[in-house]
């Protein structure tokens, strides 16, 4: 099983985020990663996710994150193809620009490669035709 992790999930983990109602997103994400490691699933990471994370984290935090990811064994970096990029533009237009281009890229990558998109973005989940899911629904 290959899971493509949206930047919001990474930020849940790195910032140990909680929902307004107190749901511990950081803990849930950590449990998901432990589950995927135990089951020998692959976590897919793209440069678009790394770029999105960089927008939110400080430079020091971002560098620490990158160093941790480089040491991880069940992660695989995915390089976006021209086909995936162009398909993301099609999706962006199809969704009438209600979803960001970055989210369209994530969705395009998953559609073209049969990855499961792990996200908390409810609109993205709704528009994904079943390939996007929240991490707590995977284990």
N, C-alpha and C. Protein backbone atom coordinates (compact mmCIF):
# COMPACT_ATOMS: atom_id res chain seq x y z
N UNK A 1 0.85 -1.18 0.00
CA UNK A 1 0.00 0.00 0.00
C UNK A 1 0.89 1.24 0.00
N UNK A 2 0.57 2.19 -0.84
CA UNK A 2 1.33 3.43 -0.92
C UNK A 2 0.44 4.60 -0.49
N UNK A 3 0.93 5.33 0.50
CA UNK A 3 0.20 6.49 1.02
C UNK A 3 0.94 7.77 0.67
N UNK A 4 0.23 8.68 0.04
CA UNK A 4 0.76 10.01 -0.26
C UNK A 4 0.23 10.93 0.82
N UNK A 5 1.12 11.53 1.58
CA UNK A 5 0.73 12.31 2.76
C UNK A 5 0.68 13.79 2.41
N UNK A 6 -0.49 14.38 2.60
CA UNK A 6 -0.69 15.82 2.38
C UNK A 6 0.07 16.60 3.45
N UNK A 7 0.42 17.83 3.12
CA UNK A 7 1.21 18.65 4.05
C UNK A 7 0.50 18.88 5.37
N UNK A 8 -0.84 18.96 5.37
CA UNK A 8 -1.55 19.20 6.64
C UNK A 8 -1.30 18.07 7.63
N UNK A 9 -1.13 16.86 7.15
CA UNK A 9 -0.87 15.71 8.03
C UNK A 9 0.54 15.81 8.61
N UNK A 10 1.51 16.18 7.75
CA UNK A 10 2.88 16.37 8.25
C UNK A 10 2.90 17.46 9.33
N UNK A 11 2.17 18.53 9.11
CA UNK A 11 2.14 19.62 10.09
C UNK A 11 1.46 19.18 11.38
N UNK A 12 0.43 18.33 11.28
CA UNK A 12 -0.18 17.76 12.48
C UNK A 12 0.88 17.08 13.34
N UNK A 13 1.75 16.33 12.67
CA UNK A 13 2.81 15.59 13.37
C UNK A 13 3.88 16.53 13.92
N UNK A 14 4.44 17.37 13.05
CA UNK A 14 5.57 18.22 13.44
C UNK A 14 5.19 19.27 14.48
N UNK A 15 3.97 19.75 14.42
CA UNK A 15 3.54 20.79 15.35
C UNK A 15 2.71 20.22 16.50
N UNK A 16 2.54 18.90 16.51
CA UNK A 16 1.75 18.22 17.53
C UNK A 16 0.40 18.91 17.71
N UNK A 17 -0.31 19.09 16.59
CA UNK A 17 -1.54 19.87 16.58
C UNK A 17 -2.72 19.10 17.17
N UNK A 18 -3.65 19.89 17.68
CA UNK A 18 -4.90 19.37 18.21
C UNK A 18 -6.04 20.14 17.54
N UNK A 19 -7.20 19.49 17.44
CA UNK A 19 -8.36 20.16 16.87
C UNK A 19 -8.94 21.11 17.93
N UNK A 20 -9.87 21.94 17.51
CA UNK A 20 -10.54 22.85 18.44
C UNK A 20 -11.29 22.09 19.51
N UNK A 21 -11.74 20.88 19.16
CA UNK A 21 -12.47 20.06 20.13
C UNK A 21 -11.54 19.22 21.01
N UNK A 22 -10.24 19.32 20.76
CA UNK A 22 -9.27 18.60 21.57
C UNK A 22 -8.77 17.30 20.98
N UNK A 23 -9.23 16.94 19.79
CA UNK A 23 -8.75 15.72 19.14
C UNK A 23 -7.26 15.88 18.86
N UNK A 24 -6.47 14.90 19.27
CA UNK A 24 -5.02 14.98 19.19
C UNK A 24 -4.53 14.51 17.81
N UNK A 25 -4.48 15.46 16.85
CA UNK A 25 -4.07 15.13 15.49
C UNK A 25 -2.62 14.65 15.44
N UNK A 26 -1.76 15.23 16.26
CA UNK A 26 -0.36 14.82 16.28
C UNK A 26 -0.22 13.35 16.67
N UNK A 27 -0.94 12.96 17.71
CA UNK A 27 -0.89 11.57 18.19
C UNK A 27 -1.49 10.61 17.15
N UNK A 28 -2.60 11.00 16.55
CA UNK A 28 -3.23 10.16 15.54
C UNK A 28 -2.28 9.96 14.36
N UNK A 29 -1.63 11.03 13.95
CA UNK A 29 -0.69 10.94 12.82
C UNK A 29 0.48 10.04 13.17
N UNK A 30 0.99 10.18 14.37
CA UNK A 30 2.10 9.32 14.79
C UNK A 30 1.67 7.85 14.78
N UNK A 31 0.47 7.58 15.27
CA UNK A 31 -0.05 6.22 15.27
C UNK A 31 -0.20 5.69 13.84
N UNK A 32 -0.65 6.55 12.92
CA UNK A 32 -0.77 6.14 11.52
C UNK A 32 0.59 5.78 10.95
N UNK A 33 1.62 6.62 11.21
CA UNK A 33 2.95 6.32 10.69
C UNK A 33 3.50 5.02 11.29
N UNK A 34 3.28 4.79 12.57
CA UNK A 34 3.72 3.55 13.20
C UNK A 34 3.02 2.34 12.57
N UNK A 35 1.72 2.49 12.34
CA UNK A 35 0.94 1.43 11.69
C UNK A 35 1.48 1.14 10.29
N UNK A 36 1.73 2.21 9.50
CA UNK A 36 2.22 2.01 8.13
C UNK A 36 3.61 1.38 8.12
N UNK A 37 4.44 1.73 9.09
CA UNK A 37 5.77 1.12 9.18
C UNK A 37 5.65 -0.37 9.52
N UNK A 38 4.79 -0.68 10.49
CA UNK A 38 4.57 -2.07 10.90
C UNK A 38 4.06 -2.92 9.73
N UNK A 39 3.18 -2.35 8.93
CA UNK A 39 2.59 -3.08 7.80
C UNK A 39 3.44 -3.01 6.54
N UNK A 40 4.59 -2.32 6.66
CA UNK A 40 5.52 -2.17 5.54
C UNK A 40 4.91 -1.44 4.34
N UNK A 41 4.05 -0.48 4.66
CA UNK A 41 3.49 0.39 3.62
C UNK A 41 4.51 1.48 3.30
N UNK A 42 4.40 2.03 2.12
CA UNK A 42 5.32 3.09 1.70
C UNK A 42 4.65 4.44 1.83
N UNK A 43 5.40 5.39 2.35
CA UNK A 43 4.93 6.77 2.46
C UNK A 43 5.58 7.55 1.31
N UNK A 44 4.75 8.18 0.52
CA UNK A 44 5.21 8.94 -0.64
C UNK A 44 5.30 10.42 -0.27
N UNK A 45 6.39 11.02 -0.69
CA UNK A 45 6.65 12.43 -0.39
C UNK A 45 7.07 13.11 -1.68
N UNK A 46 6.44 14.26 -1.97
CA UNK A 46 6.81 15.00 -3.17
C UNK A 46 7.43 16.34 -2.80
N UNK A 47 8.10 16.94 -3.76
CA UNK A 47 8.69 18.26 -3.52
C UNK A 47 7.61 19.30 -3.28
N UNK A 48 6.41 19.08 -3.78
CA UNK A 48 5.31 20.02 -3.53
C UNK A 48 4.92 20.02 -2.06
N UNK A 49 4.91 18.85 -1.44
CA UNK A 49 4.62 18.77 -0.01
C UNK A 49 5.73 19.45 0.79
N UNK A 50 6.96 19.18 0.42
CA UNK A 50 8.10 19.80 1.11
C UNK A 50 8.01 21.32 1.00
N UNK A 51 7.63 21.82 -0.15
CA UNK A 51 7.50 23.27 -0.36
C UNK A 51 6.37 23.84 0.51
N UNK A 52 5.25 23.16 0.57
CA UNK A 52 4.13 23.63 1.41
C UNK A 52 4.53 23.67 2.88
N UNK A 53 5.23 22.67 3.33
CA UNK A 53 5.68 22.63 4.72
C UNK A 53 6.63 23.80 4.98
N UNK A 54 7.46 24.08 4.02
CA UNK A 54 8.43 25.18 4.16
C UNK A 54 7.74 26.53 4.34
N UNK A 55 6.55 26.70 3.77
CA UNK A 55 5.80 27.94 3.93
C UNK A 55 5.37 28.17 5.37
N UNK A 56 5.17 27.09 6.12
CA UNK A 56 4.59 27.18 7.46
C UNK A 56 5.64 27.12 8.57
N UNK A 57 6.65 26.27 8.39
CA UNK A 57 7.66 26.08 9.43
C UNK A 57 8.75 27.14 9.32
N UNK A 58 9.38 27.39 10.46
CA UNK A 58 10.55 28.26 10.42
C UNK A 58 11.67 27.52 9.67
N UNK A 59 12.69 28.24 9.27
CA UNK A 59 13.79 27.61 8.53
C UNK A 59 14.45 26.53 9.39
N UNK A 60 14.62 26.81 10.67
CA UNK A 60 15.24 25.83 11.58
C UNK A 60 14.36 24.58 11.70
N UNK A 61 13.04 24.78 11.89
CA UNK A 61 12.13 23.64 12.00
C UNK A 61 12.14 22.83 10.70
N UNK A 62 12.10 23.53 9.58
CA UNK A 62 12.08 22.87 8.28
C UNK A 62 13.34 22.03 8.07
N UNK A 63 14.49 22.57 8.41
CA UNK A 63 15.74 21.82 8.27
C UNK A 63 15.75 20.57 9.14
N UNK A 64 15.22 20.66 10.36
CA UNK A 64 15.13 19.49 11.24
C UNK A 64 14.23 18.42 10.63
N UNK A 65 13.11 18.86 10.07
CA UNK A 65 12.16 17.94 9.44
C UNK A 65 12.83 17.22 8.27
N UNK A 66 13.50 17.96 7.42
CA UNK A 66 14.16 17.37 6.26
C UNK A 66 15.20 16.35 6.69
N UNK A 67 15.97 16.65 7.73
CA UNK A 67 16.97 15.70 8.23
C UNK A 67 16.32 14.41 8.72
N UNK A 68 15.18 14.54 9.42
CA UNK A 68 14.46 13.34 9.89
C UNK A 68 13.95 12.51 8.71
N UNK A 69 13.40 13.19 7.72
CA UNK A 69 12.85 12.47 6.58
C UNK A 69 13.93 11.75 5.78
N UNK A 70 15.11 12.33 5.70
CA UNK A 70 16.21 11.70 4.97
C UNK A 70 16.64 10.39 5.62
N UNK A 71 16.43 10.26 6.94
CA UNK A 71 16.83 9.05 7.66
C UNK A 71 15.75 7.98 7.65
N UNK A 72 14.52 8.34 7.28
CA UNK A 72 13.41 7.40 7.32
C UNK A 72 13.58 6.34 6.23
N UNK A 73 13.20 5.12 6.57
CA UNK A 73 13.42 4.01 5.65
C UNK A 73 12.21 3.67 4.79
N UNK A 74 11.02 3.94 5.24
CA UNK A 74 9.86 3.54 4.45
C UNK A 74 9.21 4.73 3.71
N UNK A 75 10.03 5.72 3.43
CA UNK A 75 9.59 6.88 2.66
C UNK A 75 10.19 6.80 1.26
N UNK A 76 9.43 7.32 0.31
CA UNK A 76 9.94 7.38 -1.06
C UNK A 76 9.59 8.73 -1.65
N UNK A 77 10.57 9.38 -2.22
CA UNK A 77 10.33 10.68 -2.85
C UNK A 77 9.76 10.45 -4.24
N UNK A 78 8.76 11.26 -4.56
CA UNK A 78 8.12 11.17 -5.87
C UNK A 78 8.39 12.45 -6.64
N UNK A 79 8.86 12.30 -7.85
CA UNK A 79 9.11 13.46 -8.71
C UNK A 79 7.92 13.63 -9.65
N UNK A 80 7.35 14.80 -9.64
CA UNK A 80 6.14 15.08 -10.41
C UNK A 80 6.47 15.07 -11.91
N UNK A 81 5.69 14.31 -12.65
CA UNK A 81 5.88 14.24 -14.10
C UNK A 81 5.10 15.37 -14.78
N UNK A 82 5.45 15.59 -16.02
CA UNK A 82 4.74 16.61 -16.81
C UNK A 82 3.26 16.23 -16.94
N UNK A 83 2.99 14.94 -17.12
CA UNK A 83 1.62 14.46 -17.21
C UNK A 83 0.82 14.78 -15.94
N UNK A 84 1.44 14.52 -14.79
CA UNK A 84 0.77 14.81 -13.50
C UNK A 84 0.54 16.30 -13.33
N UNK A 85 1.53 17.09 -13.69
CA UNK A 85 1.42 18.55 -13.58
C UNK A 85 0.28 19.06 -14.47
N UNK A 86 0.24 18.61 -15.71
CA UNK A 86 -0.80 19.04 -16.64
C UNK A 86 -2.18 18.57 -16.21
N UNK A 87 -2.24 17.35 -15.68
CA UNK A 87 -3.53 16.84 -15.19
C UNK A 87 -4.01 17.65 -13.99
N UNK A 88 -3.09 18.11 -13.15
CA UNK A 88 -3.46 18.96 -12.02
C UNK A 88 -4.11 20.26 -12.51
N UNK A 89 -3.60 20.80 -13.60
CA UNK A 89 -4.20 22.01 -14.20
C UNK A 89 -5.63 21.72 -14.69
N UNK A 90 -5.83 20.53 -15.25
CA UNK A 90 -7.17 20.13 -15.69
C UNK A 90 -8.10 20.02 -14.48
N UNK A 91 -7.62 19.39 -13.41
CA UNK A 91 -8.43 19.25 -12.19
C UNK A 91 -8.77 20.62 -11.60
N UNK A 92 -7.78 21.49 -11.57
CA UNK A 92 -7.98 22.83 -11.02
C UNK A 92 -9.14 23.52 -11.74
N UNK A 93 -9.16 23.42 -13.05
CA UNK A 93 -10.23 24.04 -13.85
C UNK A 93 -11.55 23.30 -13.63
N UNK A 94 -11.48 21.95 -13.60
CA UNK A 94 -12.68 21.13 -13.38
C UNK A 94 -13.34 21.47 -12.04
N UNK A 95 -12.53 21.74 -11.04
CA UNK A 95 -13.06 22.08 -9.70
C UNK A 95 -13.38 23.57 -9.58
N UNK A 96 -13.34 24.27 -10.72
CA UNK A 96 -13.65 25.70 -10.77
C UNK A 96 -12.79 26.50 -9.78
N UNK A 97 -11.55 26.08 -9.63
CA UNK A 97 -10.55 26.77 -8.82
C UNK A 97 -10.94 26.86 -7.33
N UNK A 98 -11.79 25.94 -6.88
CA UNK A 98 -12.18 25.90 -5.46
C UNK A 98 -11.16 25.15 -4.62
N UNK A 99 -10.27 24.44 -5.29
CA UNK A 99 -9.20 23.69 -4.62
C UNK A 99 -7.88 24.26 -5.12
N UNK A 100 -6.94 24.45 -4.21
CA UNK A 100 -5.65 25.04 -4.59
C UNK A 100 -4.91 24.17 -5.60
N UNK A 101 -4.02 24.80 -6.35
CA UNK A 101 -3.23 24.06 -7.32
C UNK A 101 -2.40 22.98 -6.63
N UNK A 102 -1.84 23.30 -5.46
CA UNK A 102 -1.04 22.31 -4.74
C UNK A 102 -1.88 21.08 -4.41
N UNK A 103 -3.12 21.29 -3.96
CA UNK A 103 -3.99 20.15 -3.67
C UNK A 103 -4.35 19.39 -4.94
N UNK A 104 -4.51 20.11 -6.05
CA UNK A 104 -4.75 19.44 -7.33
C UNK A 104 -3.54 18.61 -7.74
N UNK A 105 -2.34 19.10 -7.48
CA UNK A 105 -1.12 18.32 -7.75
C UNK A 105 -1.13 17.04 -6.92
N UNK A 106 -1.43 17.17 -5.63
CA UNK A 106 -1.46 15.98 -4.76
C UNK A 106 -2.47 14.96 -5.29
N UNK A 107 -3.64 15.45 -5.65
CA UNK A 107 -4.68 14.56 -6.17
C UNK A 107 -4.26 13.93 -7.50
N UNK A 108 -3.67 14.72 -8.37
CA UNK A 108 -3.20 14.21 -9.66
C UNK A 108 -2.17 13.10 -9.48
N UNK A 109 -1.21 13.33 -8.61
CA UNK A 109 -0.18 12.31 -8.34
C UNK A 109 -0.83 11.01 -7.87
N UNK A 110 -1.79 11.14 -6.99
CA UNK A 110 -2.45 9.94 -6.44
C UNK A 110 -3.28 9.21 -7.50
N UNK A 111 -4.00 9.97 -8.30
CA UNK A 111 -4.82 9.35 -9.35
C UNK A 111 -3.93 8.63 -10.36
N UNK A 112 -2.88 9.26 -10.79
CA UNK A 112 -2.02 8.69 -11.84
C UNK A 112 -1.17 7.52 -11.34
N UNK A 113 -1.00 7.39 -10.02
CA UNK A 113 -0.12 6.35 -9.47
C UNK A 113 -0.81 5.37 -8.53
N UNK A 114 -2.11 5.48 -8.40
CA UNK A 114 -2.89 4.62 -7.49
C UNK A 114 -2.41 4.71 -6.04
N UNK A 115 -2.06 5.92 -5.61
CA UNK A 115 -1.71 6.16 -4.21
C UNK A 115 -2.98 6.55 -3.46
N UNK A 116 -2.98 6.30 -2.18
CA UNK A 116 -4.04 6.79 -1.32
C UNK A 116 -3.58 8.14 -0.76
N UNK A 117 -4.41 9.16 -0.92
CA UNK A 117 -4.10 10.49 -0.41
C UNK A 117 -4.58 10.61 1.02
N UNK A 118 -3.65 10.84 1.94
CA UNK A 118 -3.99 10.99 3.35
C UNK A 118 -4.01 12.49 3.65
N UNK A 119 -5.18 12.98 4.05
CA UNK A 119 -5.38 14.42 4.26
C UNK A 119 -6.46 14.65 5.32
N UNK A 120 -6.56 15.88 5.78
CA UNK A 120 -7.67 16.29 6.65
C UNK A 120 -8.58 17.30 5.95
N UNK A 121 -8.26 17.59 4.71
CA UNK A 121 -9.00 18.59 3.95
C UNK A 121 -10.33 17.99 3.49
N UNK A 122 -11.42 18.39 4.13
CA UNK A 122 -12.74 17.81 3.85
C UNK A 122 -13.18 18.04 2.40
N UNK A 123 -12.92 19.21 1.86
CA UNK A 123 -13.29 19.48 0.47
C UNK A 123 -12.50 18.59 -0.49
N UNK A 124 -11.22 18.44 -0.22
CA UNK A 124 -10.39 17.57 -1.05
C UNK A 124 -10.87 16.12 -0.97
N UNK A 125 -11.21 15.68 0.21
CA UNK A 125 -11.74 14.32 0.39
C UNK A 125 -13.03 14.16 -0.43
N UNK A 126 -13.90 15.15 -0.34
CA UNK A 126 -15.18 15.11 -1.05
C UNK A 126 -14.97 15.06 -2.57
N UNK A 127 -14.03 15.82 -3.09
CA UNK A 127 -13.80 15.91 -4.54
C UNK A 127 -12.95 14.76 -5.08
N UNK A 128 -12.38 13.95 -4.21
CA UNK A 128 -11.39 12.95 -4.64
C UNK A 128 -11.96 11.64 -5.17
N UNK A 129 -13.26 11.48 -5.12
CA UNK A 129 -13.88 10.22 -5.57
C UNK A 129 -13.34 9.00 -4.84
N UNK A 130 -13.11 9.16 -3.55
CA UNK A 130 -12.76 8.01 -2.72
C UNK A 130 -11.29 7.68 -2.57
N UNK A 131 -10.39 8.46 -3.15
CA UNK A 131 -8.98 8.12 -2.99
C UNK A 131 -8.31 8.91 -1.87
N UNK A 132 -9.04 9.86 -1.27
CA UNK A 132 -8.48 10.63 -0.15
C UNK A 132 -9.22 10.26 1.13
N UNK A 133 -8.45 10.18 2.21
CA UNK A 133 -9.02 9.73 3.48
C UNK A 133 -8.23 10.31 4.64
N UNK A 134 -8.88 10.44 5.78
CA UNK A 134 -8.20 10.91 6.99
C UNK A 134 -7.38 9.76 7.59
N UNK A 135 -6.27 10.07 8.23
CA UNK A 135 -5.39 8.99 8.73
C UNK A 135 -6.07 8.08 9.74
N UNK A 136 -6.93 8.62 10.58
CA UNK A 136 -7.58 7.79 11.60
C UNK A 136 -8.53 6.76 11.00
N UNK A 137 -8.88 6.91 9.75
CA UNK A 137 -9.76 5.95 9.07
C UNK A 137 -8.99 4.86 8.34
N UNK A 138 -7.67 4.82 8.53
CA UNK A 138 -6.85 3.84 7.84
C UNK A 138 -6.31 2.73 8.73
N UNK A 139 -6.49 2.86 10.03
CA UNK A 139 -5.98 1.81 10.91
C UNK A 139 -6.96 1.52 12.02
